[in-house]
Protein backbone atom coordinates (compact mmCIF):
# COMPACT_ATOMS: atom_id res chain seq x y z
CA MET A 1 -55.63 3.45 -0.49
CA SER A 2 -52.28 1.50 -2.27
CA ARG A 3 -49.86 -0.18 -0.32
CA ARG A 4 -45.89 0.41 -0.39
CA ALA A 5 -44.28 -3.01 -1.75
CA ASP A 6 -42.28 -3.35 1.55
CA GLU A 7 -45.69 -3.72 3.58
CA TYR A 8 -46.89 -6.75 1.73
CA GLU A 9 -46.22 -10.24 3.63
CA LEU A 10 -44.75 -12.71 1.18
CA ASP A 11 -44.77 -16.36 1.97
CA PRO A 12 -41.31 -17.90 1.50
CA ASP A 13 -42.78 -21.22 0.74
CA MET A 14 -45.02 -19.98 -2.26
CA MET A 15 -41.89 -18.40 -3.95
CA ASP A 16 -39.15 -19.68 -6.58
CA PRO A 17 -35.38 -19.69 -5.12
CA PHE A 18 -34.61 -16.66 -7.12
CA ASP A 19 -37.56 -14.63 -5.56
CA ARG A 20 -36.49 -15.59 -2.25
CA VAL A 21 -33.19 -14.11 -2.63
CA VAL A 22 -34.33 -11.09 -3.89
CA ALA A 23 -36.95 -10.71 -1.11
CA SER A 24 -34.12 -11.29 1.43
CA TYR A 25 -31.65 -8.71 -0.26
CA LEU A 26 -34.59 -6.33 -0.03
CA ARG A 27 -35.38 -7.01 3.39
CA LEU A 28 -31.44 -6.78 4.72
CA SER A 29 -31.65 -3.69 2.43
CA THR A 30 -34.19 -2.24 4.35
CA ILE A 31 -33.15 -3.03 7.44
CA LEU A 32 -29.51 -1.43 6.63
CA ARG A 33 -30.64 1.70 5.08
CA GLY A 34 -30.08 3.74 8.24
CA VAL A 35 -26.42 1.99 9.00
CA LYS A 36 -23.48 3.87 8.08
CA PRO A 37 -20.13 2.62 7.71
CA ARG A 38 -17.24 3.54 10.46
CA SER A 39 -14.73 5.27 9.47
CA ARG A 40 -11.17 4.05 9.76
CA PRO A 41 -8.00 6.11 10.11
CA VAL A 42 -6.23 6.07 6.98
CA ILE A 43 -2.67 4.59 7.94
CA ARG A 44 -0.12 5.69 5.14
CA PRO A 45 2.67 2.73 4.43
CA SER A 46 6.08 3.71 4.34
CA SER A 47 6.95 4.52 0.78
CA SER A 48 9.85 2.80 -0.80
CA VAL A 49 11.92 5.83 -1.03
CA ASP A 50 11.40 6.49 2.55
CA LEU A 51 12.68 2.87 3.29
CA VAL A 52 15.64 2.84 1.44
CA MET A 53 16.40 6.49 2.49
CA ASN A 54 16.38 4.89 5.78
CA ALA A 55 18.39 1.96 5.17
CA LEU A 56 21.01 4.19 3.58
CA ARG A 57 20.88 6.83 6.78
CA ASN A 58 24.84 6.29 7.88
CA SER A 59 26.18 5.51 4.29
CA TYR A 60 28.11 8.39 2.76
CA ASN A 61 30.85 6.62 0.61
CA TRP A 62 32.01 3.35 -0.98
CA ASP A 63 32.99 1.89 2.11
CA THR A 64 30.01 2.47 3.99
CA GLY A 65 27.44 2.51 1.05
CA LEU A 66 25.12 -0.78 0.25
CA SER A 67 24.39 -2.86 -2.46
CA SER A 68 20.92 -3.21 -3.58
CA SER A 69 20.84 -6.50 -2.81
CA ASP A 70 22.04 -5.49 0.94
CA ILE A 71 19.30 -2.77 0.95
CA ALA A 72 16.48 -5.33 -0.09
CA GLU A 73 17.73 -7.87 2.82
CA LYS A 74 18.14 -5.01 5.44
CA ILE A 75 14.53 -3.97 4.44
CA GLY A 76 12.73 -6.90 4.01
CA LYS A 77 11.86 -6.36 0.42
CA SER A 78 12.66 -7.63 -3.20
CA LYS A 79 15.54 -6.51 -5.01
CA SER A 80 13.27 -5.18 -7.93
CA TYR A 81 11.23 -3.00 -5.32
CA VAL A 82 14.65 -1.56 -3.67
CA GLN A 83 15.87 -1.04 -7.23
CA LYS A 84 12.86 1.06 -8.84
CA ALA A 85 13.66 3.44 -5.53
CA LEU A 86 16.92 3.90 -5.99
CA ARG A 87 16.36 4.93 -9.65
CA ILE A 88 13.93 7.71 -8.16
CA LEU A 89 16.94 8.69 -5.85
CA VAL A 90 19.43 8.66 -8.27
CA ARG A 91 17.65 10.88 -10.46
CA ARG A 92 16.80 13.05 -7.52
CA GLY A 93 20.19 13.38 -6.73
CA THR A 94 19.38 12.41 -3.15
CA VAL A 95 21.71 8.86 -3.83
CA LYS A 96 24.66 8.49 -5.56
CA HIS A 97 25.87 5.25 -6.80
CA GLU A 98 29.53 3.94 -7.74
CA ARG A 99 30.34 1.16 -9.83
CA ARG A 100 33.48 -0.95 -9.25
CA GLY A 101 33.45 -3.58 -11.47
CA LYS A 102 30.72 -5.52 -11.32
CA TYR A 103 29.79 -4.31 -7.48
CA VAL A 104 27.82 -0.88 -7.63
CA ARG A 105 27.14 0.79 -4.30
CA TYR A 106 24.69 3.37 -3.20
CA TYR A 107 24.94 6.02 -0.56
CA LEU A 108 23.86 9.46 0.50
CA ALA A 109 24.92 12.47 -1.53
CA ARG A 110 27.02 14.92 0.29
CA GLY A 111 24.24 17.44 2.01
CA GLU A 112 21.90 14.47 2.83
CA GLU A 113 23.48 13.96 6.02
CA SER A 114 22.52 17.32 7.47
CA GLN A 115 18.86 16.71 6.48
CA ARG A 116 18.75 13.15 8.35
């Protein structure tokens, strides 16, 4: 009758360092074979679009609109992060932008205020 590999008693003093590591790994994998990881609830981080929309919730014209720098400061993200989200929102027609000289302000398009 043959023995299974895990039934043999190995003397660690008789092994070279590599074999000791392999033996430790095999012992550990045998112990952990029946252990299942705990599942964690998936927490969806706020998307960049959601954060920017929230920052613009009371902006409907030039006077109440915000620059990309203002939005970035308000939500605590980088200006490039905000600008990417603004490009998406402008393309969708959800947000309008207006340029006056070198200044650009962003605000919600009409009709969006009723959805917020």
